[in-house]
Amino acid sequence: MTDKQPMPLKSRGEKGSFMDRPVQRGGVQVRERNGIWEVEVDGKFRGDYCQKEHALSAAALHKLSPR
């Protein structure tokens, strides 16, 4: 055993987690604000989603679709 103490988990209101940063690849951006996930493609709004998985799926479809 080591004498290191476990690091406390950050509370929901604290900054610094990966969830605070937008995910952007190839002009597709997914970000979370107040529990709602927003998808933008090339700076244009494409939709709001209640679940992260749905937003990521929509972003993937937009990225793969012809423009």
PDB file of N, CA and C in Angstrom:
ATOM      1  N   MET A   1       0.830  -1.175   0.000  1.00  0.00           N
ATOM      2  CA  MET A   1       0.000   0.000   0.000  1.00  0.00           C
ATOM      3  C   MET A   1       0.876   1.240   0.000  1.00  0.00           C
ATOM      4  N   THR A   2       0.336   2.304  -0.524  1.00  0.00           N
ATOM      5  CA  THR A   2       1.052   3.570  -0.518  1.00  0.00           C
ATOM      6  C   THR A   2       0.399   4.518   0.461  1.00  0.00           C
ATOM      7  N   ASP A   3       1.117   5.581   0.802  1.00  0.00           N
ATOM      8  CA  ASP A   3       0.564   6.553   1.732  1.00  0.00           C
ATOM      9  C   ASP A   3      -0.183   7.672   1.018  1.00  0.00           C
ATOM     10  N   LYS A   4      -0.417   7.516  -0.270  1.00  0.00           N
ATOM     11  CA  LYS A   4      -1.137   8.543  -1.027  1.00  0.00           C
ATOM     12  C   LYS A   4      -2.632   8.438  -0.762  1.00  0.00           C
ATOM     13  N   GLN A   5      -3.252   9.571  -0.579  1.00  0.00           N
ATOM     14  CA  GLN A   5      -4.698   9.624  -0.379  1.00  0.00           C
ATOM     15  C   GLN A   5      -5.380   9.673  -1.734  1.00  0.00           C
ATOM     16  N   PRO A   6      -6.552   9.060  -1.878  1.00  0.00           N
ATOM     17  CA  PRO A   6      -7.275   9.151  -3.146  1.00  0.00           C
ATOM     18  C   PRO A   6      -7.694  10.587  -3.419  1.00  0.00           C
ATOM     19  N   MET A   7      -7.642  10.963  -4.684  1.00  0.00           N
ATOM     20  CA  MET A   7      -8.021  12.313  -5.082  1.00  0.00           C
ATOM     21  C   MET A   7      -9.541  12.424  -5.055  1.00  0.00           C
ATOM     22  N   PRO A   8     -10.089  13.494  -4.461  1.00  0.00           N
ATOM     23  CA  PRO A   8     -11.552  13.656  -4.457  1.00  0.00           C
ATOM     24  C   PRO A   8     -12.059  13.966  -5.856  1.00  0.00           C
ATOM     25  N   LEU A   9     -13.237  13.474  -6.151  1.00  0.00           N
ATOM     26  CA  LEU A   9     -13.852  13.773  -7.442  1.00  0.00           C
ATOM     27  C   LEU A   9     -14.325  15.209  -7.452  1.00  0.00           C
ATOM     28  N   LYS A  10     -14.250  15.833  -8.606  1.00  0.00           N
ATOM     29  CA  LYS A  10     -14.710  17.218  -8.715  1.00  0.00           C
ATOM     30  C   LYS A  10     -16.224  17.245  -8.637  1.00  0.00           C
ATOM     31  N   SER A  11     -16.722  18.269  -7.989  1.00  0.00           N
ATOM     32  CA  SER A  11     -18.171  18.403  -7.919  1.00  0.00           C
ATOM     33  C   SER A  11     -18.705  18.870  -9.261  1.00  0.00           C
ATOM     34  N   ARG A  12     -19.978  18.762  -9.449  1.00  0.00           N
ATOM     35  CA  ARG A  12     -20.613  19.070 -10.721  1.00  0.00           C
ATOM     36  C   ARG A  12     -20.369  20.513 -11.175  1.00  0.00           C
ATOM     37  N   GLY A  13     -20.247  21.450 -10.245  1.00  0.00           N
ATOM     38  CA  GLY A  13     -20.099  22.852 -10.602  1.00  0.00           C
ATOM     39  C   GLY A  13     -18.679  23.287 -10.880  1.00  0.00           C
ATOM     40  N   GLU A  14     -17.688  22.460 -10.590  1.00  0.00           N
ATOM     41  CA  GLU A  14     -16.307  22.869 -10.773  1.00  0.00           C
ATOM     42  C   GLU A  14     -15.886  22.767 -12.225  1.00  0.00           C
ATOM     43  N   LYS A  15     -14.988  23.638 -12.613  1.00  0.00           N
ATOM     44  CA  LYS A  15     -14.463  23.648 -13.977  1.00  0.00           C
ATOM     45  C   LYS A  15     -13.270  22.713 -14.075  1.00  0.00           C
ATOM     46  N   GLY A  16     -12.897  22.391 -15.304  1.00  0.00           N
ATOM     47  CA  GLY A  16     -11.673  21.646 -15.516  1.00  0.00           C
ATOM     48  C   GLY A  16     -11.878  20.258 -16.092  1.00  0.00           C
ATOM     49  N   SER A  17     -13.072  19.767 -16.165  1.00  0.00           N
ATOM     50  CA  SER A  17     -13.265  18.443 -16.726  1.00  0.00           C
ATOM     51  C   SER A  17     -13.322  18.524 -18.246  1.00  0.00           C
ATOM     52  N   PHE A  18     -13.200  17.377 -18.902  1.00  0.00           N
ATOM     53  CA  PHE A  18     -13.242  17.360 -20.358  1.00  0.00           C
ATOM     54  C   PHE A  18     -14.610  17.762 -20.889  1.00  0.00           C
ATOM     55  N   MET A  19     -15.640  17.711 -20.061  1.00  0.00           N
ATOM     56  CA  MET A  19     -16.990  18.050 -20.496  1.00  0.00           C
ATOM     57  C   MET A  19     -17.148  19.546 -20.758  1.00  0.00           C
ATOM     58  N   ASP A  20     -16.245  20.360 -20.203  1.00  0.00           N
ATOM     59  CA  ASP A  20     -16.346  21.800 -20.363  1.00  0.00           C
ATOM     60  C   ASP A  20     -15.829  22.276 -21.714  1.00  0.00           C
ATOM     61  N   ARG A  21     -15.074  21.426 -22.375  1.00  0.00           N
ATOM     62  CA  ARG A  21     -14.482  21.834 -23.640  1.00  0.00           C
ATOM     63  C   ARG A  21     -15.289  21.277 -24.798  1.00  0.00           C
ATOM     64  N   PRO A  22     -15.516  22.081 -25.844  1.00  0.00           N
ATOM     65  CA  PRO A  22     -16.239  21.569 -27.004  1.00  0.00           C
ATOM     66  C   PRO A  22     -15.419  20.529 -27.750  1.00  0.00           C
ATOM     67  N   VAL A  23     -16.103  19.587 -28.343  1.00  0.00           N
ATOM     68  CA  VAL A  23     -15.458  18.583 -29.179  1.00  0.00           C
ATOM     69  C   VAL A  23     -15.603  19.058 -30.616  1.00  0.00           C
ATOM     70  N   GLN A  24     -14.477  19.224 -31.313  1.00  0.00           N
ATOM     71  CA  GLN A  24     -14.555  19.728 -32.678  1.00  0.00           C
ATOM     72  C   GLN A  24     -13.621  18.931 -33.566  1.00  0.00           C
ATOM     73  N   ARG A  25     -14.173  18.391 -34.638  1.00  0.00           N
ATOM     74  CA  ARG A  25     -13.391  17.655 -35.626  1.00  0.00           C
ATOM     75  C   ARG A  25     -13.998  17.906 -36.987  1.00  0.00           C
ATOM     76  N   GLY A  26     -13.209  18.406 -37.918  1.00  0.00           N
ATOM     77  CA  GLY A  26     -13.671  18.582 -39.289  1.00  0.00           C
ATOM     78  C   GLY A  26     -14.848  19.518 -39.439  1.00  0.00           C
ATOM     79  N   GLY A  27     -14.905  20.585 -38.648  1.00  0.00           N
ATOM     80  CA  GLY A  27     -15.990  21.547 -38.781  1.00  0.00           C
ATOM     81  C   GLY A  27     -17.251  21.171 -38.040  1.00  0.00           C
ATOM     82  N   VAL A  28     -17.246  20.052 -37.328  1.00  0.00           N
ATOM     83  CA  VAL A  28     -18.405  19.625 -36.540  1.00  0.00           C
ATOM     84  C   VAL A  28     -18.085  19.876 -35.076  1.00  0.00           C
ATOM     85  N   GLN A  29     -18.959  20.594 -34.384  1.00  0.00           N
ATOM     86  CA  GLN A  29     -18.730  20.934 -32.983  1.00  0.00           C
ATOM     87  C   GLN A  29     -19.896  20.451 -32.131  1.00  0.00           C
ATOM     88  N   VAL A  30     -19.564  19.808 -31.009  1.00  0.00           N
ATOM     89  CA  VAL A  30     -20.557  19.351 -30.038  1.00  0.00           C
ATOM     90  C   VAL A  30     -20.175  19.971 -28.700  1.00  0.00           C
ATOM     91  N   ARG A  31     -21.135  20.641 -28.061  1.00  0.00           N
ATOM     92  CA  ARG A  31     -20.866  21.216 -26.749  1.00  0.00           C
ATOM     93  C   ARG A  31     -22.089  21.105 -25.868  1.00  0.00           C
ATOM     94  N   GLU A  32     -21.813  21.082 -24.550  1.00  0.00           N
ATOM     95  CA  GLU A  32     -22.868  20.945 -23.557  1.00  0.00           C
ATOM     96  C   GLU A  32     -23.041  22.263 -22.824  1.00  0.00           C
ATOM     97  N   ARG A  33     -24.287  22.705 -22.727  1.00  0.00           N
ATOM     98  CA  ARG A  33     -24.615  23.913 -21.970  1.00  0.00           C
ATOM     99  C   ARG A  33     -25.894  23.655 -21.191  1.00  0.00           C
ATOM    100  N   ASN A  34     -25.804  23.754 -19.886  1.00  0.00           N
ATOM    101  CA  ASN A  34     -26.974  23.588 -19.016  1.00  0.00           C
ATOM    102  C   ASN A  34     -27.719  22.275 -19.252  1.00  0.00           C
ATOM    103  N   GLY A  35     -26.993  21.210 -19.495  1.00  0.00           N
ATOM    104  CA  GLY A  35     -27.606  19.897 -19.668  1.00  0.00           C
ATOM    105  C   GLY A  35     -28.134  19.620 -21.059  1.00  0.00           C
ATOM    106  N   ILE A  36     -27.985  20.558 -21.992  1.00  0.00           N
ATOM    107  CA  ILE A  36     -28.434  20.379 -23.375  1.00  0.00           C
ATOM    108  C   ILE A  36     -27.207  20.341 -24.276  1.00  0.00           C
ATOM    109  N   TRP A  37     -27.171  19.368 -25.168  1.00  0.00           N
ATOM    110  CA  TRP A  37     -26.044  19.203 -26.091  1.00  0.00           C
ATOM    111  C   TRP A  37     -26.384  19.859 -27.424  1.00  0.00           C
ATOM    112  N   GLU A  38     -25.504  20.727 -27.889  1.00  0.00           N
ATOM    113  CA  GLU A  38     -25.711  21.484 -29.123  1.00  0.00           C
ATOM    114  C   GLU A  38     -24.740  20.990 -30.196  1.00  0.00           C
ATOM    115  N   VAL A  39     -25.239  20.825 -31.417  1.00  0.00           N
ATOM    116  CA  VAL A  39     -24.408  20.409 -32.545  1.00  0.00           C
ATOM    117  C   VAL A  39     -24.367  21.534 -33.561  1.00  0.00           C
ATOM    118  N   GLU A  40     -23.145  21.899 -33.980  1.00  0.00           N
ATOM    119  CA  GLU A  40     -22.937  22.887 -35.035  1.00  0.00           C
ATOM    120  C   GLU A  40     -22.046  22.272 -36.103  1.00  0.00           C
ATOM    121  N   VAL A  41     -22.329  22.610 -37.346  1.00  0.00           N
ATOM    122  CA  VAL A  41     -21.504  22.165 -38.466  1.00  0.00           C
ATOM    123  C   VAL A  41     -21.082  23.400 -39.238  1.00  0.00           C
ATOM    124  N   ASP A  42     -19.782  23.593 -39.362  1.00  0.00           N
ATOM    125  CA  ASP A  42     -19.223  24.768 -40.037  1.00  0.00           C
ATOM    126  C   ASP A  42     -19.828  26.061 -39.504  1.00  0.00           C
ATOM    127  N   GLY A  43     -20.035  26.135 -38.187  1.00  0.00           N
ATOM    128  CA  GLY A  43     -20.556  27.335 -37.552  1.00  0.00           C
ATOM    129  C   GLY A  43     -22.064  27.509 -37.624  1.00  0.00           C
ATOM    130  N   LYS A  44     -22.771  26.564 -38.259  1.00  0.00           N
ATOM    131  CA  LYS A  44     -24.233  26.645 -38.361  1.00  0.00           C
ATOM    132  C   LYS A  44     -24.877  25.682 -37.373  1.00  0.00           C
ATOM    133  N   PHE A  45     -25.888  26.177 -36.671  1.00  0.00           N
ATOM    134  CA  PHE A  45     -26.626  25.366 -35.704  1.00  0.00           C
ATOM    135  C   PHE A  45     -27.326  24.217 -36.418  1.00  0.00           C
ATOM    136  N   ARG A  46     -27.182  23.009 -35.879  1.00  0.00           N
ATOM    137  CA  ARG A  46     -27.833  21.831 -36.474  1.00  0.00           C
ATOM    138  C   ARG A  46     -28.773  21.103 -35.530  1.00  0.00           C
ATOM    139  N   GLY A  47     -28.746  21.414 -34.231  1.00  0.00           N
ATOM    140  CA  GLY A  47     -29.706  20.767 -33.351  1.00  0.00           C
ATOM    141  C   GLY A  47     -29.291  20.763 -31.896  1.00  0.00           C
ATOM    142  N   ASP A  48     -30.298  20.640 -31.018  1.00  0.00           N
ATOM    143  CA  ASP A  48     -30.098  20.474 -29.584  1.00  0.00           C
ATOM    144  C   ASP A  48     -30.549  19.070 -29.201  1.00  0.00           C
ATOM    145  N   TYR A  49     -29.823  18.457 -28.278  1.00  0.00           N
ATOM    146  CA  TYR A  49     -30.123  17.092 -27.858  1.00  0.00           C
ATOM    147  C   TYR A  49     -30.037  17.004 -26.345  1.00  0.00           C
ATOM    148  N   CYS A  50     -30.875  16.167 -25.756  1.00  0.00           N
ATOM    149  CA  CYS A  50     -30.891  15.983 -24.307  1.00  0.00           C
ATOM    150  C   CYS A  50     -29.834  14.990 -23.848  1.00  0.00           C
ATOM    151  N   GLN A  51     -29.376  14.121 -24.747  1.00  0.00           N
ATOM    152  CA  GLN A  51     -28.398  13.103 -24.381  1.00  0.00           C
ATOM    153  C   GLN A  51     -27.140  13.266 -25.217  1.00  0.00           C
ATOM    154  N   LYS A  52     -26.002  13.087 -24.574  1.00  0.00           N
ATOM    155  CA  LYS A  52     -24.709  13.229 -25.247  1.00  0.00           C
ATOM    156  C   LYS A  52     -24.584  12.245 -26.418  1.00  0.00           C
ATOM    157  N   GLU A  53     -25.030  11.015 -26.216  1.00  0.00           N
ATOM    158  CA  GLU A  53     -24.915   9.997 -27.257  1.00  0.00           C
ATOM    159  C   GLU A  53     -25.666  10.399 -28.516  1.00  0.00           C
ATOM    160  N   HIS A  54     -26.844  10.998 -28.353  1.00  0.00           N
ATOM    161  CA  HIS A  54     -27.632  11.435 -29.505  1.00  0.00           C
ATOM    162  C   HIS A  54     -26.933  12.567 -30.237  1.00  0.00           C
ATOM    163  N   ALA A  55     -26.345  13.495 -29.490  1.00  0.00           N
ATOM    164  CA  ALA A  55     -25.632  14.612 -30.108  1.00  0.00           C
ATOM    165  C   ALA A  55     -24.409  14.111 -30.872  1.00  0.00           C
ATOM    166  N   LEU A  56     -23.677  13.172 -30.293  1.00  0.00           N
ATOM    167  CA  LEU A  56     -22.504  12.632 -30.975  1.00  0.00           C
ATOM    168  C   LEU A  56     -22.888  11.846 -32.224  1.00  0.00           C
ATOM    169  N   SER A  57     -24.003  11.134 -32.161  1.00  0.00           N
ATOM    170  CA  SER A  57     -24.484  10.401 -33.340  1.00  0.00           C
ATOM    171  C   SER A  57     -24.872  11.361 -34.455  1.00  0.00           C
ATOM    172  N   ALA A  58     -25.571  12.426 -34.100  1.00  0.00           N
ATOM    173  CA  ALA A  58     -25.958  13.428 -35.096  1.00  0.00           C
ATOM    174  C   ALA A  58     -24.728  14.093 -35.691  1.00  0.00           C
ATOM    175  N   ALA A  59     -23.742  14.400 -34.855  1.00  0.00           N
ATOM    176  CA  ALA A  59     -22.511  15.015 -35.346  1.00  0.00           C
ATOM    177  C   ALA A  59     -21.787  14.089 -36.313  1.00  0.00           C
ATOM    178  N   ALA A  60     -21.750  12.795 -36.002  1.00  0.00           N
ATOM    179  CA  ALA A  60     -21.099  11.832 -36.886  1.00  0.00           C
ATOM    180  C   ALA A  60     -21.818  11.750 -38.230  1.00  0.00           C
ATOM    181  N   LEU A  61     -23.139  11.755 -38.196  1.00  0.00           N
ATOM    182  CA  LEU A  61     -23.901  11.715 -39.445  1.00  0.00           C
ATOM    183  C   LEU A  61     -23.670  12.972 -40.283  1.00  0.00           C
ATOM    184  N   HIS A  62     -23.623  14.125 -39.641  1.00  0.00           N
ATOM    185  CA  HIS A  62     -23.357  15.364 -40.366  1.00  0.00           C
ATOM    186  C   HIS A  62     -21.947  15.346 -40.966  1.00  0.00           C
ATOM    187  N   LYS A  63     -21.015  14.800 -40.222  1.00  0.00           N
ATOM    188  CA  LYS A  63     -19.632  14.754 -40.715  1.00  0.00           C
ATOM    189  C   LYS A  63     -19.512  13.840 -41.934  1.00  0.00           C
ATOM    190  N   LEU A  64     -20.268  12.755 -41.943  1.00  0.00           N
ATOM    191  CA  LEU A  64     -20.186  11.791 -43.043  1.00  0.00           C
ATOM    192  C   LEU A  64     -21.053  12.162 -44.240  1.00  0.00           C
ATOM    193  N   SER A  65     -22.029  13.015 -44.036  1.00  0.00           N
ATOM    194  CA  SER A  65     -22.955  13.354 -45.129  1.00  0.00           C
ATOM    195  C   SER A  65     -22.278  14.318 -46.117  1.00  0.00           C
ATOM    196  N   PRO A  66     -22.619  14.165 -47.405  1.00  0.00           N
ATOM    197  CA  PRO A  66     -22.049  15.088 -48.411  1.00  0.00           C
ATOM    198  C   PRO A  66     -22.582  16.497 -48.196  1.00  0.00           C
ATOM    199  N   ARG A  67     -21.729  17.476 -48.476  1.00  0.00           N
ATOM    200  CA  ARG A  67     -22.136  18.868 -48.274  1.00  0.00           C
ATOM    201  C   ARG A  67     -22.396  19.536 -49.582  1.00  0.00           C
TER     202      ARG A  67
END
